[in-house]
Amino acid sequence: MAMEVHLVTCDFGSVNGTGPFPAAYLPAEGGAVSIIDAYLIGSGAGTSIGAKLVSITDAGTPATANGTVGSFAGTVVYAANARAACTVSAPAVSGGNWIGVEQTSGTTPISARLVFSYVMGK
């Protein structure tokens, strides 16, 4: 049985601070999704950062709703077209939440991108 894989690319630009920074919204009507993989991609030189992929509530000031979805190993060093892979540890994310990035250190460069893929359901 084949599963339909969805791919999302989000440009979240230059951000400084811990966040979390929302990147893509998962509508409540669509139900839960399971994250397959995720990458951070730089478009040029930038600082090194520590980062996590997180689920963020849609209520008021963004706060982590479902916790950490995955972590990027060590620090992400931004360079043109360099890709940093995420190790997904809790792939299920409920509909009605955002997928985003939480920085643990550093500043992302202009035009940094988050790319992730998912399938519908937990």
Protein backbone atom coordinates (compact mmCIF):
# COMPACT_ATOMS: atom_id res chain seq x y z
CA MET A 1 0.00 0.00 0.00
CA ALA A 2 1.54 3.29 -1.11
CA MET A 3 1.31 6.40 1.05
CA GLU A 4 0.99 9.88 -0.40
CA VAL A 5 3.97 11.91 0.76
CA HIS A 6 3.59 15.70 1.04
CA LEU A 7 6.56 18.07 0.80
CA VAL A 8 6.59 21.59 2.31
CA THR A 9 9.25 24.28 1.83
CA CYS A 10 9.15 27.35 4.09
CA ASP A 11 11.34 30.43 3.83
CA PHE A 12 11.63 31.81 7.34
CA GLY A 13 14.32 34.42 6.69
CA SER A 14 16.69 35.84 9.24
CA VAL A 15 15.59 35.23 12.82
CA ASN A 16 17.33 35.84 16.09
CA GLY A 17 16.31 34.44 19.45
CA THR A 18 14.83 31.19 20.59
CA GLY A 19 11.35 31.47 19.09
CA PRO A 20 9.56 29.23 18.32
CA PHE A 21 9.15 30.50 14.76
CA PRO A 22 6.05 29.15 12.93
CA ALA A 23 6.71 27.93 9.39
CA ALA A 24 3.64 25.99 8.15
CA TYR A 25 0.11 25.54 9.48
CA LEU A 26 -1.61 22.14 9.62
CA PRO A 27 -5.40 22.72 9.41
CA ALA A 28 -7.52 21.06 12.11
CA GLU A 29 -9.85 19.68 9.42
CA GLY A 30 -6.99 17.65 7.94
CA GLY A 31 -6.26 15.73 11.13
CA ALA A 32 -2.90 14.55 12.40
CA VAL A 33 0.22 14.09 10.30
CA SER A 34 3.42 12.11 10.74
CA ILE A 35 6.63 13.94 9.91
CA ILE A 36 8.96 11.77 7.83
CA ASP A 37 12.03 14.00 7.62
CA ALA A 38 13.12 17.64 7.76
CA TYR A 39 16.08 19.75 6.66
CA LEU A 40 17.35 23.28 7.23
CA ILE A 41 18.98 24.81 4.15
CA GLY A 42 21.07 27.96 3.97
CA SER A 43 21.32 30.25 0.98
CA GLY A 44 24.67 31.75 1.96
CA ALA A 45 27.10 32.12 4.80
CA GLY A 46 25.61 32.60 8.24
CA THR A 47 26.28 31.84 11.85
CA SER A 48 26.10 28.40 13.35
CA ILE A 49 22.91 27.66 15.22
CA GLY A 50 21.42 24.96 17.38
CA ALA A 51 17.87 24.11 16.29
CA LYS A 52 14.84 21.90 16.93
CA LEU A 53 11.76 21.11 14.84
CA VAL A 54 8.71 21.80 17.02
CA SER A 55 4.92 21.75 17.01
CA ILE A 56 3.43 25.14 17.95
CA THR A 57 -0.07 25.98 19.18
CA ASP A 58 -2.22 28.38 17.17
CA ALA A 59 -3.53 30.11 20.33
CA GLY A 60 -2.20 33.58 21.23
CA THR A 61 1.52 34.05 21.64
CA PRO A 62 3.19 31.02 20.03
CA ALA A 63 4.12 28.39 22.55
CA THR A 64 5.30 24.85 21.96
CA ALA A 65 2.13 22.71 21.86
CA ASN A 66 3.23 19.13 21.27
CA GLY A 67 6.87 19.56 22.16
CA THR A 68 9.90 18.67 20.11
CA VAL A 69 9.30 16.80 16.86
CA GLY A 70 13.02 16.36 16.19
CA SER A 71 16.47 17.85 16.62
CA PHE A 72 19.23 18.89 14.27
CA ALA A 73 22.46 17.16 15.31
CA GLY A 74 25.02 19.44 16.90
CA THR A 75 25.00 22.86 15.28
CA VAL A 76 23.74 23.83 11.85
CA VAL A 77 26.43 25.68 9.89
CA TYR A 78 24.83 27.78 7.19
CA ALA A 79 26.55 27.90 3.81
CA ALA A 80 25.17 28.12 0.28
CA ASN A 81 23.00 25.05 -0.34
CA ALA A 82 24.28 23.21 2.74
CA ARG A 83 21.62 20.88 4.16
CA ALA A 84 21.28 19.94 7.81
CA ALA A 85 19.16 16.87 8.52
CA CYS A 86 16.74 16.58 11.42
CA THR A 87 16.50 13.43 13.52
CA VAL A 88 12.74 12.99 13.99
CA SER A 89 11.94 11.55 17.41
CA ALA A 90 8.19 12.28 17.84
CA PRO A 91 6.70 12.38 14.33
CA ALA A 92 2.96 12.71 15.18
CA VAL A 93 1.62 16.28 15.05
CA SER A 94 -2.07 17.07 15.57
CA GLY A 95 -4.02 19.18 13.09
CA GLY A 96 -4.65 22.76 14.22
CA ASN A 97 -0.98 23.29 15.06
CA TRP A 98 2.02 24.84 13.33
CA ILE A 99 5.32 23.20 12.44
CA GLY A 100 8.22 25.51 13.15
CA VAL A 101 11.79 25.97 14.28
CA GLU A 102 13.07 26.74 17.74
CA GLN A 103 16.64 27.99 17.97
CA THR A 104 18.83 27.01 20.87
CA SER A 105 21.65 29.37 19.82
CA GLY A 106 22.82 31.68 17.02
CA THR A 107 21.08 33.62 14.24
CA THR A 108 19.77 32.24 10.95
CA PRO A 109 20.84 33.97 7.73
CA ILE A 110 18.49 35.72 5.33
CA SER A 111 16.52 33.24 3.19
CA ALA A 112 17.05 30.22 5.42
CA ARG A 113 14.58 27.47 4.50
CA LEU A 114 12.89 24.64 6.35
CA VAL A 115 11.91 21.66 4.19
CA PHE A 116 9.88 18.81 5.63
CA SER A 117 7.82 15.88 4.37
CA TYR A 118 4.87 14.17 5.98
CA VAL A 119 2.07 11.67 5.50
CA MET A 120 -1.48 11.98 6.77
CA GLY A 121 -2.30 10.19 10.03
CA LYS A 122 -0.28 9.20 13.08
